[in-house]
Amino acid sequence: MILKVVIVDDAAEAVDALAGVLDRYCGERGIDCTVSRFGSPIKFLSAYKPDYDIVFLDIDMPTMNGIELARYIRRMDADVSIVFITNMAKYAISGYEVDADDFIVKPVKYGSFRIKLDRIIKKHGSKKNVPHVPVYENGVTKYVRITDIRYVEVIKHSVIYHMAEGTHEKRGSLKNEYAMFAGNGFAQCNKSCLVNLRFVLGIDGYTLHLAKAYGSMEYEELPIGHPRKKEFVHELNKYLEEHV
């Protein structure tokens, strides 16, 4: 297992201590772990990409405290595990609003740290192998897992990501989207749509039944292009053989 972790804390000695505990934990568990370090919340945000598994945040930092920083992170990344590091347990209640996984009180004690991290990893695992794509919502860039996108539709120069809870639109081309999604469980059903095969419920002639949400039996109908049906069915059967 590969785990990508980041520590954001303005106290270098605290970062070193936590990194040492992480190194011991990963050595015992046989986990390949990479640890990034940031002493500035602002620098961390400016470089943020949604490929971290766990973010450890100190609460008491200048310019921006850990709770405020977590709010910004959640606007960009709904999946990353957030763990607060603090010597002020009274702030624990604030973690609920940013969906924090846990609090660790300084100084970090290995026994309790191991128990907490075991639980977090069991719950979330590693997301490094799940690609994410940027979308833009109310002027903010956020990242969504491609596995949560039901289908990608391209109309002229607009790319529309259809998801269970709505749509996201951006400028782009089908060629670029195909390069991004091919090999990740998507197949082209017509000249303008790439379909997430995880959501396919069935095919009726040249009509595709695509679930409106993962696990739902309610579906949306999409046309299958005549020249593409054979290849699409082949890709679907291949996917089912490998994943069902």
C-alpha atoms as a PDB file:
ATOM      1  CA  MET A   1       0.000   0.000   0.000  1.00  0.00           C
ATOM      2  CA  ILE A   2       1.162   3.532  -0.814  1.00  0.00           C
ATOM      3  CA  LEU A   3       0.153   6.380   1.469  1.00  0.00           C
ATOM      4  CA  LYS A   4       0.681  10.060   0.692  1.00  0.00           C
ATOM      5  CA  VAL A   5       0.655  12.308   3.741  1.00  0.00           C
ATOM      6  CA  VAL A   6       1.193  16.026   4.341  1.00  0.00           C
ATOM      7  CA  ILE A   7       1.883  17.824   7.608  1.00  0.00           C
ATOM      8  CA  VAL A   8       1.063  21.527   7.913  1.00  0.00           C
ATOM      9  CA  ASP A   9       2.546  23.043  11.075  1.00  0.00           C
ATOM     10  CA  ASP A  10       4.608  26.169  11.635  1.00  0.00           C
ATOM     11  CA  ALA A  11       6.628  24.487  14.430  1.00  0.00           C
ATOM     12  CA  ALA A  12       9.496  22.531  12.840  1.00  0.00           C
ATOM     13  CA  GLU A  13      10.095  20.393  15.933  1.00  0.00           C
ATOM     14  CA  ALA A  14       6.443  19.320  15.983  1.00  0.00           C
ATOM     15  CA  VAL A  15       6.650  18.363  12.311  1.00  0.00           C
ATOM     16  CA  ASP A  16       9.784  16.299  12.963  1.00  0.00           C
ATOM     17  CA  ALA A  17       8.117  14.531  15.896  1.00  0.00           C
ATOM     18  CA  LEU A  18       5.009  13.631  13.901  1.00  0.00           C
ATOM     19  CA  ALA A  19       7.068  12.538  10.889  1.00  0.00           C
ATOM     20  CA  GLY A  20       9.038  10.222  13.199  1.00  0.00           C
ATOM     21  CA  VAL A  21       5.847   8.638  14.540  1.00  0.00           C
ATOM     22  CA  LEU A  22       4.549   8.210  10.985  1.00  0.00           C
ATOM     23  CA  ASP A  23       7.808   6.574   9.927  1.00  0.00           C
ATOM     24  CA  ARG A  24       7.575   4.091  12.795  1.00  0.00           C
ATOM     25  CA  TYR A  25       3.913   3.326  12.043  1.00  0.00           C
ATOM     26  CA  CYS A  26       4.484   2.763   8.322  1.00  0.00           C
ATOM     27  CA  GLY A  27       7.523   0.596   9.030  1.00  0.00           C
ATOM     28  CA  GLU A  28       5.503  -1.654  11.332  1.00  0.00           C
ATOM     29  CA  ARG A  29       2.574  -1.858   8.917  1.00  0.00           C
ATOM     30  CA  GLY A  30       4.674  -2.355   5.781  1.00  0.00           C
ATOM     31  CA  ILE A  31       3.276   0.810   4.180  1.00  0.00           C
ATOM     32  CA  ASP A  32       5.188   2.845   1.606  1.00  0.00           C
ATOM     33  CA  CYS A  33       4.618   6.381   2.872  1.00  0.00           C
ATOM     34  CA  THR A  34       5.682   9.757   1.494  1.00  0.00           C
ATOM     35  CA  VAL A  35       5.483  12.771   3.801  1.00  0.00           C
ATOM     36  CA  SER A  36       5.372  16.379   2.576  1.00  0.00           C
ATOM     37  CA  ARG A  37       5.933  19.260   5.002  1.00  0.00           C
ATOM     38  CA  PHE A  38       4.610  22.816   4.964  1.00  0.00           C
ATOM     39  CA  GLY A  39       5.275  25.476   7.580  1.00  0.00           C
ATOM     40  CA  SER A  40       2.894  27.955   5.944  1.00  0.00           C
ATOM     41  CA  PRO A  41      -0.842  27.349   5.362  1.00  0.00           C
ATOM     42  CA  ILE A  42      -0.801  29.840   2.472  1.00  0.00           C
ATOM     43  CA  LYS A  43       2.027  28.060   0.649  1.00  0.00           C
ATOM     44  CA  PHE A  44       0.282  24.734   1.206  1.00  0.00           C
ATOM     45  CA  LEU A  45      -2.988  25.982  -0.303  1.00  0.00           C
ATOM     46  CA  SER A  46      -1.268  27.528  -3.313  1.00  0.00           C
ATOM     47  CA  ALA A  47       0.355  24.168  -4.119  1.00  0.00           C
ATOM     48  CA  TYR A  48      -2.598  21.930  -3.223  1.00  0.00           C
ATOM     49  CA  LYS A  49      -3.432  18.950  -5.425  1.00  0.00           C
ATOM     50  CA  PRO A  50      -6.019  16.295  -4.552  1.00  0.00           C
ATOM     51  CA  ASP A  51      -3.584  13.400  -4.342  1.00  0.00           C
ATOM     52  CA  TYR A  52      -3.012  13.334  -0.572  1.00  0.00           C
ATOM     53  CA  ASP A  53      -4.532  10.565   1.511  1.00  0.00           C
ATOM     54  CA  ILE A  54      -4.183  12.256   4.903  1.00  0.00           C
ATOM     55  CA  VAL A  55      -3.621  15.895   5.845  1.00  0.00           C
ATOM     56  CA  PHE A  56      -2.363  16.583   9.373  1.00  0.00           C
ATOM     57  CA  LEU A  57      -3.133  20.180  10.376  1.00  0.00           C
ATOM     58  CA  ASP A  58      -1.907  22.096  13.383  1.00  0.00           C
ATOM     59  CA  ILE A  59      -4.752  24.208  14.721  1.00  0.00           C
ATOM     60  CA  ASP A  60      -2.794  27.080  16.221  1.00  0.00           C
ATOM     61  CA  MET A  61      -0.910  28.706  13.323  1.00  0.00           C
ATOM     62  CA  PRO A  62      -0.348  32.361  12.400  1.00  0.00           C
ATOM     63  CA  THR A  63      -2.071  33.972   9.376  1.00  0.00           C
ATOM     64  CA  MET A  64      -4.565  31.090   9.172  1.00  0.00           C
ATOM     65  CA  ASN A  65      -5.518  28.519  11.804  1.00  0.00           C
ATOM     66  CA  GLY A  66      -6.092  24.851  11.061  1.00  0.00           C
ATOM     67  CA  ILE A  67      -9.893  25.074  11.128  1.00  0.00           C
ATOM     68  CA  GLU A  68      -9.911  27.878   8.551  1.00  0.00           C
ATOM     69  CA  LEU A  69      -7.401  25.991   6.426  1.00  0.00           C
ATOM     70  CA  ALA A  70      -9.564  22.860   6.562  1.00  0.00           C
ATOM     71  CA  ARG A  71     -12.550  24.825   5.242  1.00  0.00           C
ATOM     72  CA  TYR A  72     -10.537  25.814   2.164  1.00  0.00           C
ATOM     73  CA  ILE A  73      -9.351  22.225   1.683  1.00  0.00           C
ATOM     74  CA  ARG A  74     -12.902  20.892   1.805  1.00  0.00           C
ATOM     75  CA  ARG A  75     -13.967  23.322  -0.920  1.00  0.00           C
ATOM     76  CA  MET A  76     -11.380  21.680  -3.206  1.00  0.00           C
ATOM     77  CA  ASP A  77     -11.293  18.097  -1.961  1.00  0.00           C
ATOM     78  CA  ALA A  78     -14.163  16.240  -0.315  1.00  0.00           C
ATOM     79  CA  ASP A  79     -12.288  12.960   0.052  1.00  0.00           C
ATOM     80  CA  VAL A  80      -9.010  13.639   1.824  1.00  0.00           C
ATOM     81  CA  SER A  81      -8.760  12.579   5.477  1.00  0.00           C
ATOM     82  CA  ILE A  82      -8.180  15.545   7.779  1.00  0.00           C
ATOM     83  CA  VAL A  83      -6.576  15.037  11.177  1.00  0.00           C
ATOM     84  CA  PHE A  84      -6.007  17.969  13.529  1.00  0.00           C
ATOM     85  CA  ILE A  85      -2.938  18.164  15.718  1.00  0.00           C
ATOM     86  CA  THR A  86      -3.498  20.340  18.775  1.00  0.00           C
ATOM     87  CA  ASN A  87      -2.793  20.871  22.429  1.00  0.00           C
ATOM     88  CA  MET A  88      -6.206  22.505  22.805  1.00  0.00           C
ATOM     89  CA  ALA A  89      -8.834  19.781  22.891  1.00  0.00           C
ATOM     90  CA  LYS A  90     -11.576  22.418  23.243  1.00  0.00           C
ATOM     91  CA  TYR A  91     -11.394  22.952  19.467  1.00  0.00           C
ATOM     92  CA  ALA A  92     -12.452  19.365  18.750  1.00  0.00           C
ATOM     93  CA  ILE A  93     -16.103  20.297  18.210  1.00  0.00           C
ATOM     94  CA  SER A  94     -15.112  22.580  15.311  1.00  0.00           C
ATOM     95  CA  GLY A  95     -13.829  19.566  13.402  1.00  0.00           C
ATOM     96  CA  TYR A  96     -17.332  18.333  12.670  1.00  0.00           C
ATOM     97  CA  GLU A  97     -18.073  21.194  10.290  1.00  0.00           C
ATOM     98  CA  VAL A  98     -15.134  20.231   8.041  1.00  0.00           C
ATOM     99  CA  ASP A  99     -15.693  16.466   8.338  1.00  0.00           C
ATOM    100  CA  ALA A 100     -12.400  15.882  10.176  1.00  0.00           C
ATOM    101  CA  ASP A 101     -11.512  12.259  10.859  1.00  0.00           C
ATOM    102  CA  ASP A 102      -9.859  12.772  14.227  1.00  0.00           C
ATOM    103  CA  PHE A 103      -7.873  14.923  16.642  1.00  0.00           C
ATOM    104  CA  ILE A 104      -4.466  14.062  18.027  1.00  0.00           C
ATOM    105  CA  VAL A 105      -3.318  15.905  21.126  1.00  0.00           C
ATOM    106  CA  LYS A 106       0.291  17.064  21.435  1.00  0.00           C
ATOM    107  CA  PRO A 107       2.676  15.610  22.381  1.00  0.00           C
ATOM    108  CA  VAL A 108       1.803  12.693  20.090  1.00  0.00           C
ATOM    109  CA  LYS A 109       1.792   9.329  21.858  1.00  0.00           C
ATOM    110  CA  TYR A 110       2.486   6.379  19.593  1.00  0.00           C
ATOM    111  CA  GLY A 111      -0.047   3.962  21.099  1.00  0.00           C
ATOM    112  CA  SER A 112      -3.084   6.173  20.546  1.00  0.00           C
ATOM    113  CA  PHE A 113      -1.700   7.416  17.216  1.00  0.00           C
ATOM    114  CA  ARG A 114      -1.449   3.836  15.888  1.00  0.00           C
ATOM    115  CA  ILE A 115      -5.053   3.064  16.849  1.00  0.00           C
ATOM    116  CA  LYS A 116      -6.366   6.244  15.235  1.00  0.00           C
ATOM    117  CA  LEU A 117      -4.413   5.769  12.003  1.00  0.00           C
ATOM    118  CA  ASP A 118      -5.464   2.120  11.721  1.00  0.00           C
ATOM    119  CA  ARG A 119      -9.075   3.263  11.835  1.00  0.00           C
ATOM    120  CA  ILE A 120      -8.585   6.079   9.319  1.00  0.00           C
ATOM    121  CA  ILE A 121      -6.766   3.876   6.801  1.00  0.00           C
ATOM    122  CA  LYS A 122      -9.349   1.124   7.144  1.00  0.00           C
ATOM    123  CA  LYS A 123     -12.107   3.666   6.492  1.00  0.00           C
ATOM    124  CA  HIS A 124     -10.528   5.544   3.601  1.00  0.00           C
ATOM    125  CA  GLY A 125      -7.633   3.460   2.293  1.00  0.00           C
ATOM    126  CA  SER A 126      -5.416   5.150  -0.256  1.00  0.00           C
ATOM    127  CA  LYS A 127      -6.869   7.254  -3.069  1.00  0.00           C
ATOM    128  CA  LYS A 128      -3.663   7.730  -5.023  1.00  0.00           C
ATOM    129  CA  ASN A 129      -4.849   5.292  -7.685  1.00  0.00           C
ATOM    130  CA  VAL A 130      -8.167   7.092  -8.208  1.00  0.00           C
ATOM    131  CA  PRO A 131      -7.659   9.905 -10.764  1.00  0.00           C
ATOM    132  CA  HIS A 132      -9.271  13.278 -10.092  1.00  0.00           C
ATOM    133  CA  VAL A 133     -10.223  16.050 -12.495  1.00  0.00           C
ATOM    134  CA  PRO A 134     -10.615  19.770 -11.765  1.00  0.00           C
ATOM    135  CA  VAL A 135     -14.031  21.383 -11.973  1.00  0.00           C
ATOM    136  CA  TYR A 136     -15.051  24.965 -11.308  1.00  0.00           C
ATOM    137  CA  GLU A 137     -17.826  25.850  -8.927  1.00  0.00           C
ATOM    138  CA  ASN A 138     -18.700  29.424  -7.890  1.00  0.00           C
ATOM    139  CA  GLY A 139     -15.265  30.627  -8.914  1.00  0.00           C
ATOM    140  CA  VAL A 140     -13.468  27.909  -6.932  1.00  0.00           C
ATOM    141  CA  THR A 141     -11.457  25.051  -8.393  1.00  0.00           C
ATOM    142  CA  LYS A 142     -12.305  21.730  -6.775  1.00  0.00           C
ATOM    143  CA  TYR A 143     -11.388  18.169  -7.688  1.00  0.00           C
ATOM    144  CA  VAL A 144     -13.750  15.251  -8.201  1.00  0.00           C
ATOM    145  CA  ARG A 145     -12.993  11.571  -8.625  1.00  0.00           C
ATOM    146  CA  ILE A 146     -13.572  10.414 -12.156  1.00  0.00           C
ATOM    147  CA  THR A 147     -15.349   7.371 -10.728  1.00  0.00           C
ATOM    148  CA  ASP A 148     -18.103   9.747  -9.515  1.00  0.00           C
ATOM    149  CA  ILE A 149     -18.749  11.086 -13.033  1.00  0.00           C
ATOM    150  CA  ARG A 150     -21.602   9.219 -14.738  1.00  0.00           C
ATOM    151  CA  TYR A 151     -20.761  10.390 -18.237  1.00  0.00           C
ATOM    152  CA  VAL A 152     -18.872  13.087 -20.077  1.00  0.00           C
ATOM    153  CA  GLU A 153     -20.732  14.980 -22.799  1.00  0.00           C
ATOM    154  CA  VAL A 154     -19.058  17.298 -25.287  1.00  0.00           C
ATOM    155  CA  ILE A 155     -21.173  19.883 -27.106  1.00  0.00           C
ATOM    156  CA  LYS A 156     -19.157  22.058 -29.492  1.00  0.00           C
ATOM    157  CA  HIS A 157     -16.377  23.399 -27.232  1.00  0.00           C
ATOM    158  CA  SER A 158     -18.131  22.711 -23.922  1.00  0.00           C
ATOM    159  CA  VAL A 159     -17.398  19.655 -21.781  1.00  0.00           C
ATOM    160  CA  ILE A 160     -20.133  18.670 -19.338  1.00  0.00           C
ATOM    161  CA  TYR A 161     -19.480  16.258 -16.469  1.00  0.00           C
ATOM    162  CA  HIS A 162     -22.770  14.605 -15.496  1.00  0.00           C
ATOM    163  CA  MET A 163     -22.767  13.466 -11.877  1.00  0.00           C
ATOM    164  CA  ALA A 164     -25.422  12.116  -9.542  1.00  0.00           C
ATOM    165  CA  GLU A 165     -25.882  15.495  -7.846  1.00  0.00           C
ATOM    166  CA  GLY A 166     -25.679  17.720 -10.903  1.00  0.00           C
ATOM    167  CA  THR A 167     -23.339  18.860 -13.667  1.00  0.00           C
ATOM    168  CA  HIS A 168     -20.058  20.715 -14.046  1.00  0.00           C
ATOM    169  CA  GLU A 169     -19.143  22.478 -17.278  1.00  0.00           C
ATOM    170  CA  LYS A 170     -15.842  23.673 -18.730  1.00  0.00           C
ATOM    171  CA  ARG A 171     -14.175  24.377 -22.066  1.00  0.00           C
ATOM    172  CA  GLY A 172     -12.516  21.456 -23.838  1.00  0.00           C
ATOM    173  CA  SER A 173     -12.669  18.791 -26.506  1.00  0.00           C
ATOM    174  CA  LEU A 174     -13.659  15.147 -26.736  1.00  0.00           C
ATOM    175  CA  LYS A 175     -10.138  14.248 -27.842  1.00  0.00           C
ATOM    176  CA  ASN A 176      -8.621  15.608 -24.643  1.00  0.00           C
ATOM    177  CA  GLU A 177     -11.311  14.057 -22.471  1.00  0.00           C
ATOM    178  CA  TYR A 178     -10.860  10.674 -24.151  1.00  0.00           C
ATOM    179  CA  ALA A 179      -7.137  10.763 -23.413  1.00  0.00           C
ATOM    180  CA  MET A 180      -7.919  11.466 -19.756  1.00  0.00           C
ATOM    181  CA  PHE A 181     -10.713   8.934 -19.207  1.00  0.00           C
ATOM    182  CA  ALA A 182      -9.746   6.017 -21.477  1.00  0.00           C
ATOM    183  CA  GLY A 183      -8.471   3.098 -19.439  1.00  0.00           C
ATOM    184  CA  ASN A 184     -10.302   4.256 -16.315  1.00  0.00           C
ATOM    185  CA  GLY A 185     -13.576   2.435 -16.852  1.00  0.00           C
ATOM    186  CA  PHE A 186     -15.026   4.740 -19.525  1.00  0.00           C
ATOM    187  CA  ALA A 187     -16.067   3.956 -23.105  1.00  0.00           C
ATOM    188  CA  GLN A 188     -17.435   6.068 -25.955  1.00  0.00           C
ATOM    189  CA  CYS A 189     -21.061   5.254 -26.778  1.00  0.00           C
ATOM    190  CA  ASN A 190     -21.631   7.911 -29.447  1.00  0.00           C
ATOM    191  CA  LYS A 191     -19.805  10.777 -31.106  1.00  0.00           C
ATOM    192  CA  SER A 192     -20.222  13.098 -28.124  1.00  0.00           C
ATOM    193  CA  CYS A 193     -20.393  10.942 -24.963  1.00  0.00           C
ATOM    194  CA  LEU A 194     -17.949   8.982 -22.811  1.00  0.00           C
ATOM    195  CA  VAL A 195     -19.794   6.708 -20.390  1.00  0.00           C
ATOM    196  CA  ASN A 196     -18.701   5.474 -16.973  1.00  0.00           C
ATOM    197  CA  LEU A 197     -19.246   1.731 -17.302  1.00  0.00           C
ATOM    198  CA  ARG A 198     -19.783   1.457 -13.528  1.00  0.00           C
ATOM    199  CA  PHE A 199     -23.217   3.068 -14.024  1.00  0.00           C
ATOM    200  CA  VAL A 200     -24.461   0.969 -16.952  1.00  0.00           C
ATOM    201  CA  LEU A 201     -27.659  -0.951 -16.137  1.00  0.00           C
ATOM    202  CA  GLY A 202     -28.367  -2.388 -19.577  1.00  0.00           C
ATOM    203  CA  ILE A 203     -28.702  -1.937 -23.317  1.00  0.00           C
ATOM    204  CA  ASP A 204     -31.941  -2.007 -25.281  1.00  0.00           C
ATOM    205  CA  GLY A 205     -31.112  -2.009 -28.981  1.00  0.00           C
ATOM    206  CA  TYR A 206     -29.276   1.224 -29.553  1.00  0.00           C
ATOM    207  CA  THR A 207     -30.371   2.759 -26.236  1.00  0.00           C
ATOM    208  CA  LEU A 208     -28.171   2.714 -23.167  1.00  0.00           C
ATOM    209  CA  HIS A 209     -29.672   2.655 -19.670  1.00  0.00           C
ATOM    210  CA  LEU A 210     -27.374   4.587 -17.346  1.00  0.00           C
ATOM    211  CA  ALA A 211     -28.062   4.723 -13.590  1.00  0.00           C
ATOM    212  CA  LYS A 212     -28.806   8.172 -12.193  1.00  0.00           C
ATOM    213  CA  ALA A 213     -26.710   7.356  -9.124  1.00  0.00           C
ATOM    214  CA  TYR A 214     -24.374   4.523  -8.204  1.00  0.00           C
ATOM    215  CA  GLY A 215     -26.442   1.540  -7.069  1.00  0.00           C
ATOM    216  CA  SER A 216     -29.734   3.124  -8.197  1.00  0.00           C
ATOM    217  CA  MET A 217     -32.143   1.374 -10.547  1.00  0.00           C
ATOM    218  CA  GLU A 218     -33.465   4.701 -11.865  1.00  0.00           C
ATOM    219  CA  TYR A 219     -31.840   5.396 -15.187  1.00  0.00           C
ATOM    220  CA  GLU A 220     -31.292   7.911 -17.938  1.00  0.00           C
ATOM    221  CA  GLU A 221     -31.411   6.861 -21.587  1.00  0.00           C
ATOM    222  CA  LEU A 222     -28.476   7.683 -23.859  1.00  0.00           C
ATOM    223  CA  PRO A 223     -28.230   6.835 -27.562  1.00  0.00           C
ATOM    224  CA  ILE A 224     -25.559   4.415 -28.772  1.00  0.00           C
ATOM    225  CA  GLY A 225     -24.159   5.355 -32.169  1.00  0.00           C
ATOM    226  CA  HIS A 226     -24.589   2.596 -34.770  1.00  0.00           C
ATOM    227  CA  PRO A 227     -20.898   2.579 -35.799  1.00  0.00           C
ATOM    228  CA  ARG A 228     -19.812   2.415 -32.133  1.00  0.00           C
ATOM    229  CA  LYS A 229     -22.111  -0.250 -30.713  1.00  0.00           C
ATOM    230  CA  LYS A 230     -19.861  -3.257 -31.362  1.00  0.00           C
ATOM    231  CA  GLU A 231     -16.817  -1.630 -29.771  1.00  0.00           C
ATOM    232  CA  PHE A 232     -18.859  -0.237 -26.886  1.00  0.00           C
ATOM    233  CA  VAL A 233     -20.382  -3.639 -26.073  1.00  0.00           C
ATOM    234  CA  HIS A 234     -16.910  -5.181 -26.256  1.00  0.00           C
ATOM    235  CA  GLU A 235     -15.553  -2.611 -23.769  1.00  0.00           C
ATOM    236  CA  LEU A 236     -18.541  -3.132 -21.481  1.00  0.00           C
ATOM    237  CA  ASN A 237     -18.178  -6.923 -21.465  1.00  0.00           C
ATOM    238  CA  LYS A 238     -14.452  -6.612 -20.845  1.00  0.00           C
ATOM    239  CA  TYR A 239     -15.087  -4.305 -17.908  1.00  0.00           C
ATOM    240  CA  LEU A 240     -17.719  -6.640 -16.416  1.00  0.00           C
ATOM    241  CA  GLU A 241     -15.416  -9.652 -16.725  1.00  0.00           C
ATOM    242  CA  GLU A 242     -12.693  -7.807 -14.815  1.00  0.00           C
ATOM    243  CA  HIS A 243     -14.828  -6.176 -12.136  1.00  0.00           C
ATOM    244  CA  VAL A 244     -17.931  -8.259 -11.481  1.00  0.00           C
END
